[in-house]
N, C-alpha and C. Protein backbone atom coordinates (compact mmCIF):
# COMPACT_ATOMS: atom_id res chain seq x y z
N MET A 1 -34.23 16.76 -48.03
CA MET A 1 -33.31 15.65 -47.87
C MET A 1 -33.37 15.18 -46.41
N ALA A 2 -33.46 13.89 -46.21
CA ALA A 2 -33.56 13.31 -44.88
C ALA A 2 -32.22 13.42 -44.15
N ARG A 3 -32.32 13.62 -42.84
CA ARG A 3 -31.11 13.66 -42.03
C ARG A 3 -30.61 12.25 -41.79
N SER A 4 -29.31 12.10 -41.73
CA SER A 4 -28.76 10.79 -41.41
C SER A 4 -28.82 10.59 -39.89
N ASN A 5 -29.00 9.36 -39.50
CA ASN A 5 -29.03 9.04 -38.08
C ASN A 5 -27.63 9.15 -37.50
N ARG A 6 -27.56 9.62 -36.27
CA ARG A 6 -26.28 9.68 -35.58
C ARG A 6 -26.00 8.32 -34.99
N VAL A 7 -24.74 7.94 -35.02
CA VAL A 7 -24.33 6.70 -34.39
C VAL A 7 -23.71 7.06 -33.05
N ILE A 8 -24.34 6.61 -31.99
CA ILE A 8 -23.89 6.89 -30.63
C ILE A 8 -23.49 5.57 -30.00
N PHE A 9 -22.32 5.56 -29.38
CA PHE A 9 -21.83 4.35 -28.73
C PHE A 9 -21.99 4.50 -27.23
N GLU A 10 -22.40 3.42 -26.58
CA GLU A 10 -22.53 3.46 -25.13
C GLU A 10 -21.15 3.57 -24.49
N ASN A 11 -21.14 4.15 -23.31
CA ASN A 11 -19.93 4.30 -22.50
C ASN A 11 -18.81 5.03 -23.23
N SER A 12 -19.16 5.98 -24.09
CA SER A 12 -18.19 6.85 -24.76
C SER A 12 -18.52 8.29 -24.41
N LEU A 13 -17.51 9.13 -24.35
CA LEU A 13 -17.71 10.54 -23.99
C LEU A 13 -18.10 11.35 -25.22
N TYR A 14 -19.16 12.17 -25.07
CA TYR A 14 -19.64 13.04 -26.14
C TYR A 14 -19.76 14.47 -25.63
N GLU A 15 -19.57 15.40 -26.54
CA GLU A 15 -19.85 16.80 -26.25
C GLU A 15 -21.09 17.19 -27.04
N ILE A 16 -22.09 17.68 -26.33
CA ILE A 16 -23.33 18.15 -26.94
C ILE A 16 -23.30 19.68 -26.89
N THR A 17 -23.60 20.31 -28.02
CA THR A 17 -23.63 21.77 -28.06
C THR A 17 -24.94 22.23 -28.70
N PRO A 18 -25.98 22.44 -27.87
CA PRO A 18 -27.22 23.01 -28.41
C PRO A 18 -27.06 24.52 -28.55
N ARG A 19 -27.59 25.09 -29.63
CA ARG A 19 -27.49 26.52 -29.88
C ARG A 19 -28.88 27.13 -30.02
N ALA A 20 -29.08 28.23 -29.31
CA ALA A 20 -30.33 28.96 -29.42
C ALA A 20 -30.28 29.85 -30.67
N ARG A 21 -31.42 30.01 -31.32
CA ARG A 21 -31.47 30.81 -32.55
C ARG A 21 -31.02 32.25 -32.32
N GLU A 22 -31.52 32.87 -31.26
CA GLU A 22 -31.21 34.28 -30.99
C GLU A 22 -30.73 34.49 -29.56
N GLY A 23 -30.40 33.46 -28.87
CA GLY A 23 -30.07 33.60 -27.46
C GLY A 23 -31.32 33.44 -26.62
N LEU A 24 -31.15 33.04 -25.40
CA LEU A 24 -32.31 32.88 -24.51
C LEU A 24 -32.78 34.27 -24.07
N PRO A 25 -34.07 34.54 -24.15
CA PRO A 25 -34.57 35.87 -23.78
C PRO A 25 -34.73 35.99 -22.26
N LEU A 26 -33.66 35.71 -21.55
CA LEU A 26 -33.65 35.80 -20.09
C LEU A 26 -32.49 36.69 -19.67
N PRO A 27 -32.65 37.47 -18.62
CA PRO A 27 -31.54 38.32 -18.17
C PRO A 27 -30.41 37.46 -17.61
N PRO A 28 -29.16 37.90 -17.79
CA PRO A 28 -28.02 37.14 -17.27
C PRO A 28 -27.85 37.40 -15.77
N THR A 29 -28.54 36.59 -14.96
CA THR A 29 -28.52 36.75 -13.51
C THR A 29 -28.23 35.41 -12.84
N GLU A 30 -28.02 35.46 -11.56
CA GLU A 30 -27.82 34.24 -10.78
C GLU A 30 -29.08 33.39 -10.82
N VAL A 31 -30.25 34.02 -10.84
CA VAL A 31 -31.51 33.28 -10.92
C VAL A 31 -31.59 32.51 -12.24
N THR A 32 -31.18 33.15 -13.34
CA THR A 32 -31.15 32.47 -14.63
C THR A 32 -30.20 31.28 -14.59
N ASN A 33 -29.02 31.48 -13.98
CA ASN A 33 -28.07 30.36 -13.84
C ASN A 33 -28.69 29.20 -13.08
N GLN A 34 -29.35 29.51 -11.97
CA GLN A 34 -29.98 28.47 -11.17
C GLN A 34 -31.10 27.79 -11.94
N LEU A 35 -31.85 28.56 -12.70
CA LEU A 35 -32.93 28.00 -13.51
C LEU A 35 -32.37 27.01 -14.54
N LEU A 36 -31.32 27.42 -15.27
CA LEU A 36 -30.74 26.56 -16.30
C LEU A 36 -30.09 25.30 -15.71
N THR A 37 -29.36 25.45 -14.61
CA THR A 37 -28.74 24.26 -14.02
C THR A 37 -29.79 23.36 -13.37
N GLY A 38 -30.88 23.95 -12.87
CA GLY A 38 -31.98 23.14 -12.33
C GLY A 38 -32.65 22.31 -13.43
N ILE A 39 -32.84 22.93 -14.60
CA ILE A 39 -33.41 22.19 -15.73
C ILE A 39 -32.48 21.05 -16.13
N LEU A 40 -31.20 21.33 -16.16
CA LEU A 40 -30.22 20.29 -16.49
C LEU A 40 -30.27 19.15 -15.47
N ALA A 41 -30.38 19.50 -14.20
CA ALA A 41 -30.45 18.47 -13.14
C ALA A 41 -31.73 17.65 -13.25
N ARG A 42 -32.87 18.31 -13.52
CA ARG A 42 -34.13 17.57 -13.66
C ARG A 42 -34.11 16.66 -14.88
N THR A 43 -33.45 17.11 -15.94
CA THR A 43 -33.34 16.28 -17.14
C THR A 43 -32.49 15.04 -16.85
N GLN A 44 -31.50 15.20 -16.02
CA GLN A 44 -30.57 14.13 -15.71
C GLN A 44 -31.06 13.22 -14.58
N ARG A 45 -32.11 13.59 -13.90
CA ARG A 45 -32.52 12.90 -12.67
C ARG A 45 -32.72 11.39 -12.84
N ASP A 46 -33.14 10.95 -14.00
CA ASP A 46 -33.33 9.51 -14.19
C ASP A 46 -32.13 8.87 -14.90
N GLN A 47 -31.01 9.57 -14.87
CA GLN A 47 -29.72 9.05 -15.31
C GLN A 47 -29.72 8.55 -16.76
N LYS A 48 -30.22 9.39 -17.65
CA LYS A 48 -30.17 9.05 -19.07
C LYS A 48 -28.72 8.94 -19.54
N VAL A 49 -27.89 9.84 -18.99
CA VAL A 49 -26.46 9.85 -19.30
C VAL A 49 -25.71 10.18 -18.01
N THR A 50 -24.42 9.93 -18.02
CA THR A 50 -23.58 10.43 -16.93
C THR A 50 -23.08 11.79 -17.38
N LEU A 51 -23.50 12.84 -16.70
CA LEU A 51 -23.10 14.20 -17.03
C LEU A 51 -21.76 14.47 -16.37
N CYS A 52 -20.76 14.79 -17.17
CA CYS A 52 -19.40 14.98 -16.66
C CYS A 52 -19.07 16.45 -16.41
N ASN A 53 -19.31 17.31 -17.37
CA ASN A 53 -19.01 18.74 -17.29
C ASN A 53 -20.04 19.49 -18.11
N PHE A 54 -20.25 20.75 -17.75
CA PHE A 54 -21.13 21.58 -18.58
C PHE A 54 -20.83 23.04 -18.32
N VAL A 55 -21.07 23.85 -19.34
CA VAL A 55 -21.04 25.30 -19.24
C VAL A 55 -22.27 25.78 -19.98
N GLU A 56 -23.11 26.54 -19.29
CA GLU A 56 -24.34 27.09 -19.88
C GLU A 56 -24.10 28.56 -20.19
N MET A 57 -24.33 28.94 -21.42
CA MET A 57 -24.24 30.34 -21.81
C MET A 57 -25.59 30.76 -22.39
N ASN A 58 -25.77 32.05 -22.63
CA ASN A 58 -27.08 32.52 -23.08
C ASN A 58 -27.45 32.03 -24.46
N ASN A 59 -26.47 31.84 -25.34
CA ASN A 59 -26.81 31.44 -26.70
C ASN A 59 -26.47 29.99 -27.03
N HIS A 60 -25.73 29.32 -26.16
CA HIS A 60 -25.43 27.91 -26.36
C HIS A 60 -24.88 27.30 -25.07
N ALA A 61 -24.77 25.99 -25.09
CA ALA A 61 -24.22 25.28 -23.93
C ALA A 61 -23.22 24.25 -24.44
N HIS A 62 -22.37 23.81 -23.56
CA HIS A 62 -21.47 22.69 -23.83
C HIS A 62 -21.71 21.69 -22.71
N GLN A 63 -22.00 20.46 -23.07
CA GLN A 63 -22.26 19.41 -22.07
C GLN A 63 -21.44 18.18 -22.45
N HIS A 64 -20.65 17.70 -21.51
CA HIS A 64 -19.92 16.46 -21.73
C HIS A 64 -20.65 15.36 -20.99
N CYS A 65 -21.00 14.30 -21.71
CA CYS A 65 -21.75 13.23 -21.09
C CYS A 65 -21.41 11.88 -21.71
N ILE A 66 -21.73 10.85 -20.94
CA ILE A 66 -21.49 9.46 -21.37
C ILE A 66 -22.82 8.73 -21.29
N PRO A 67 -23.33 8.27 -22.44
CA PRO A 67 -24.59 7.52 -22.40
C PRO A 67 -24.37 6.07 -22.00
N ASP A 68 -25.22 5.58 -21.12
CA ASP A 68 -25.18 4.17 -20.76
C ASP A 68 -25.74 3.34 -21.91
N LYS A 69 -26.80 3.88 -22.53
CA LYS A 69 -27.43 3.25 -23.70
C LYS A 69 -27.54 4.33 -24.77
N PRO A 70 -27.20 4.01 -26.01
CA PRO A 70 -27.21 5.03 -27.08
C PRO A 70 -28.52 5.80 -27.21
N GLU A 71 -29.66 5.15 -27.08
CA GLU A 71 -30.93 5.84 -27.25
C GLU A 71 -31.20 6.85 -26.14
N GLN A 72 -30.57 6.68 -24.99
CA GLN A 72 -30.75 7.62 -23.89
C GLN A 72 -30.09 8.97 -24.18
N HIS A 73 -29.06 8.96 -24.99
CA HIS A 73 -28.32 10.17 -25.34
C HIS A 73 -29.25 11.17 -26.03
N VAL A 74 -29.98 10.72 -27.03
CA VAL A 74 -30.92 11.58 -27.75
C VAL A 74 -32.04 12.04 -26.83
N LYS A 75 -32.56 11.14 -26.01
CA LYS A 75 -33.62 11.51 -25.07
C LYS A 75 -33.14 12.62 -24.14
N PHE A 76 -31.89 12.54 -23.71
CA PHE A 76 -31.34 13.54 -22.79
C PHE A 76 -31.36 14.92 -23.43
N TYR A 77 -30.75 15.09 -24.60
CA TYR A 77 -30.66 16.45 -25.13
C TYR A 77 -31.99 16.94 -25.66
N MET A 78 -32.86 16.05 -26.12
CA MET A 78 -34.19 16.51 -26.57
C MET A 78 -35.02 16.98 -25.38
N GLU A 79 -34.97 16.24 -24.28
CA GLU A 79 -35.72 16.65 -23.08
C GLU A 79 -35.17 17.96 -22.52
N TYR A 80 -33.85 18.11 -22.49
CA TYR A 80 -33.21 19.33 -22.01
C TYR A 80 -33.71 20.54 -22.80
N GLN A 81 -33.67 20.44 -24.14
CA GLN A 81 -34.11 21.55 -24.97
C GLN A 81 -35.60 21.83 -24.79
N LYS A 82 -36.41 20.80 -24.68
CA LYS A 82 -37.85 20.99 -24.49
C LYS A 82 -38.15 21.67 -23.16
N LYS A 83 -37.48 21.26 -22.10
CA LYS A 83 -37.72 21.86 -20.78
C LYS A 83 -37.34 23.34 -20.79
N ILE A 84 -36.23 23.69 -21.43
CA ILE A 84 -35.83 25.10 -21.49
C ILE A 84 -36.84 25.88 -22.33
N THR A 85 -37.23 25.33 -23.47
CA THR A 85 -38.21 26.00 -24.33
C THR A 85 -39.51 26.22 -23.57
N ASP A 86 -40.02 25.20 -22.90
CA ASP A 86 -41.28 25.33 -22.15
C ASP A 86 -41.16 26.37 -21.04
N THR A 87 -40.03 26.39 -20.35
CA THR A 87 -39.82 27.35 -19.27
C THR A 87 -39.76 28.77 -19.81
N VAL A 88 -38.99 28.99 -20.86
CA VAL A 88 -38.87 30.33 -21.45
C VAL A 88 -40.22 30.77 -22.01
N ARG A 89 -40.93 29.87 -22.63
CA ARG A 89 -42.25 30.19 -23.19
C ARG A 89 -43.20 30.65 -22.08
N ARG A 90 -43.20 29.93 -20.95
CA ARG A 90 -44.06 30.32 -19.82
C ARG A 90 -43.63 31.66 -19.22
N LEU A 91 -42.32 31.84 -19.02
CA LEU A 91 -41.83 33.07 -18.40
C LEU A 91 -42.07 34.30 -19.27
N THR A 92 -42.00 34.11 -20.59
CA THR A 92 -42.18 35.25 -21.50
C THR A 92 -43.61 35.34 -22.02
N LYS A 93 -44.47 34.44 -21.55
CA LYS A 93 -45.90 34.43 -21.90
C LYS A 93 -46.12 34.35 -23.41
N ARG A 94 -45.35 33.48 -24.05
CA ARG A 94 -45.51 33.26 -25.48
C ARG A 94 -46.29 31.98 -25.71
N GLY A 95 -47.14 31.99 -26.70
CA GLY A 95 -47.90 30.80 -27.04
C GLY A 95 -47.03 29.75 -27.72
N ARG A 96 -46.22 30.22 -28.66
CA ARG A 96 -45.33 29.32 -29.40
C ARG A 96 -43.93 29.90 -29.37
N LEU A 97 -42.95 29.04 -29.44
CA LEU A 97 -41.57 29.50 -29.39
C LEU A 97 -40.68 28.49 -30.11
N SER A 98 -39.95 28.95 -31.08
CA SER A 98 -38.96 28.13 -31.77
C SER A 98 -37.60 28.63 -31.31
N LEU A 99 -37.08 28.04 -30.27
CA LEU A 99 -35.90 28.55 -29.57
C LEU A 99 -34.58 28.05 -30.16
N TRP A 100 -34.55 26.82 -30.63
CA TRP A 100 -33.28 26.17 -30.96
C TRP A 100 -33.00 26.09 -32.45
N GLU A 101 -31.72 26.19 -32.77
CA GLU A 101 -31.28 25.88 -34.13
C GLU A 101 -31.43 24.38 -34.31
N ARG A 102 -31.80 23.94 -35.44
CA ARG A 102 -31.94 22.53 -35.82
C ARG A 102 -31.58 21.57 -34.69
N ARG A 103 -30.76 20.58 -34.94
CA ARG A 103 -30.39 19.69 -33.84
C ARG A 103 -29.01 20.09 -33.32
N PRO A 104 -28.74 19.77 -32.06
CA PRO A 104 -27.46 20.19 -31.49
C PRO A 104 -26.28 19.48 -32.13
N SER A 105 -25.14 20.11 -32.02
CA SER A 105 -23.90 19.47 -32.44
C SER A 105 -23.58 18.38 -31.42
N VAL A 106 -23.25 17.21 -31.90
CA VAL A 106 -22.88 16.09 -31.02
C VAL A 106 -21.59 15.51 -31.57
N ALA A 107 -20.54 15.54 -30.74
CA ALA A 107 -19.24 15.05 -31.20
C ALA A 107 -18.65 14.10 -30.16
N MET A 108 -18.16 12.98 -30.64
CA MET A 108 -17.49 12.06 -29.73
C MET A 108 -16.13 12.65 -29.36
N VAL A 109 -15.80 12.55 -28.09
CA VAL A 109 -14.49 12.97 -27.61
C VAL A 109 -13.62 11.72 -27.62
N ALA A 110 -12.64 11.72 -28.50
CA ALA A 110 -11.93 10.50 -28.85
C ALA A 110 -11.04 9.91 -27.75
N ASP A 111 -10.33 10.77 -27.04
CA ASP A 111 -9.37 10.25 -26.07
C ASP A 111 -9.13 11.28 -24.97
N VAL A 112 -8.25 10.96 -24.04
CA VAL A 112 -7.99 11.83 -22.90
C VAL A 112 -7.45 13.19 -23.35
N GLU A 113 -6.55 13.19 -24.31
CA GLU A 113 -5.99 14.46 -24.79
C GLU A 113 -7.07 15.35 -25.39
N ASP A 114 -7.96 14.74 -26.17
CA ASP A 114 -9.07 15.49 -26.75
C ASP A 114 -10.00 16.00 -25.65
N ALA A 115 -10.25 15.20 -24.64
CA ALA A 115 -11.11 15.61 -23.52
C ALA A 115 -10.51 16.83 -22.81
N ILE A 116 -9.21 16.81 -22.59
CA ILE A 116 -8.54 17.94 -21.93
C ILE A 116 -8.66 19.20 -22.79
N LYS A 117 -8.43 19.08 -24.09
CA LYS A 117 -8.56 20.23 -25.00
C LYS A 117 -9.97 20.79 -24.97
N ARG A 118 -10.97 19.90 -25.00
CA ARG A 118 -12.37 20.35 -24.99
C ARG A 118 -12.72 21.02 -23.66
N LEU A 119 -12.22 20.48 -22.55
CA LEU A 119 -12.48 21.10 -21.24
C LEU A 119 -11.90 22.50 -21.17
N ILE A 120 -10.67 22.65 -21.63
CA ILE A 120 -10.05 23.97 -21.65
C ILE A 120 -10.89 24.93 -22.48
N TYR A 121 -11.30 24.47 -23.65
CA TYR A 121 -12.10 25.32 -24.53
C TYR A 121 -13.42 25.74 -23.87
N ILE A 122 -14.17 24.77 -23.35
CA ILE A 122 -15.50 25.14 -22.82
C ILE A 122 -15.42 26.01 -21.57
N PHE A 123 -14.40 25.82 -20.74
CA PHE A 123 -14.32 26.63 -19.54
C PHE A 123 -13.72 28.01 -19.81
N LEU A 124 -13.01 28.18 -20.92
CA LEU A 124 -12.53 29.50 -21.31
C LEU A 124 -13.54 30.24 -22.18
N ASN A 125 -14.52 29.54 -22.71
CA ASN A 125 -15.49 30.11 -23.64
C ASN A 125 -16.20 31.36 -23.10
N PRO A 126 -16.69 31.37 -21.85
CA PRO A 126 -17.35 32.59 -21.35
C PRO A 126 -16.41 33.79 -21.28
N ALA A 127 -15.13 33.57 -20.97
CA ALA A 127 -14.17 34.68 -20.94
C ALA A 127 -13.90 35.18 -22.35
N LYS A 128 -13.76 34.27 -23.31
CA LYS A 128 -13.54 34.67 -24.70
C LYS A 128 -14.72 35.45 -25.24
N ALA A 129 -15.92 35.13 -24.78
CA ALA A 129 -17.13 35.83 -25.23
C ALA A 129 -17.34 37.15 -24.50
N GLY A 130 -16.46 37.46 -23.53
CA GLY A 130 -16.57 38.71 -22.79
C GLY A 130 -17.63 38.70 -21.70
N LEU A 131 -18.11 37.51 -21.33
CA LEU A 131 -19.14 37.42 -20.30
C LEU A 131 -18.54 37.48 -18.90
N VAL A 132 -17.29 37.07 -18.77
CA VAL A 132 -16.54 37.14 -17.52
C VAL A 132 -15.14 37.61 -17.87
N SER A 133 -14.41 38.12 -16.87
CA SER A 133 -13.06 38.59 -17.18
C SER A 133 -12.00 37.51 -16.98
N SER A 134 -12.35 36.45 -16.26
CA SER A 134 -11.40 35.35 -16.07
C SER A 134 -12.15 34.06 -15.76
N ILE A 135 -11.46 32.95 -15.88
CA ILE A 135 -12.05 31.64 -15.60
C ILE A 135 -12.47 31.53 -14.14
N ASP A 136 -11.81 32.29 -13.26
CA ASP A 136 -12.16 32.27 -11.83
C ASP A 136 -13.59 32.74 -11.58
N GLU A 137 -14.15 33.51 -12.48
CA GLU A 137 -15.49 34.04 -12.29
C GLU A 137 -16.59 33.13 -12.81
N ILE A 138 -16.24 32.03 -13.46
CA ILE A 138 -17.26 31.19 -14.09
C ILE A 138 -18.27 30.65 -13.09
N GLY A 139 -17.84 30.21 -11.93
CA GLY A 139 -18.77 29.70 -10.93
C GLY A 139 -19.74 30.75 -10.44
N ARG A 140 -19.30 32.03 -10.50
CA ARG A 140 -20.14 33.13 -10.02
C ARG A 140 -20.76 33.90 -11.18
N ALA A 141 -20.44 33.50 -12.40
CA ALA A 141 -20.84 34.29 -13.58
C ALA A 141 -22.33 34.24 -13.83
N HIS A 142 -22.80 35.30 -14.40
CA HIS A 142 -24.18 35.38 -14.88
C HIS A 142 -24.13 35.20 -16.38
N VAL A 143 -24.02 33.96 -16.82
CA VAL A 143 -23.89 33.70 -18.26
C VAL A 143 -25.14 33.22 -18.79
């Protein structure tokens, strides 16, 4: 059965949640954090979307962004996933790698109240997963 096309509106806030099939096969270190945020920055360098907030975890990420043009939204998350896959493939010396679950979850954030709820959720997510003991550690966390 064919997938339905997503309808993305320009200048609207979206939460993208890509999920890895088994988690990224990288150790949870500061170097890994820098690697993942560097990939995110390189993906964003040509301003496909306005990146508002993000939390990167080993098995999934949450990214809040606003596309200037709807087609740029898809280009952003596809390039992000490809760059991570290519990097992990090179680091682990694998010829082929199927890292991601199907397509990422993409949800429009309807209003300010919804945005606040989503921010609270994504920034508490590493603590709920037991990766950090408090939200204060997120900036220093090895997630």
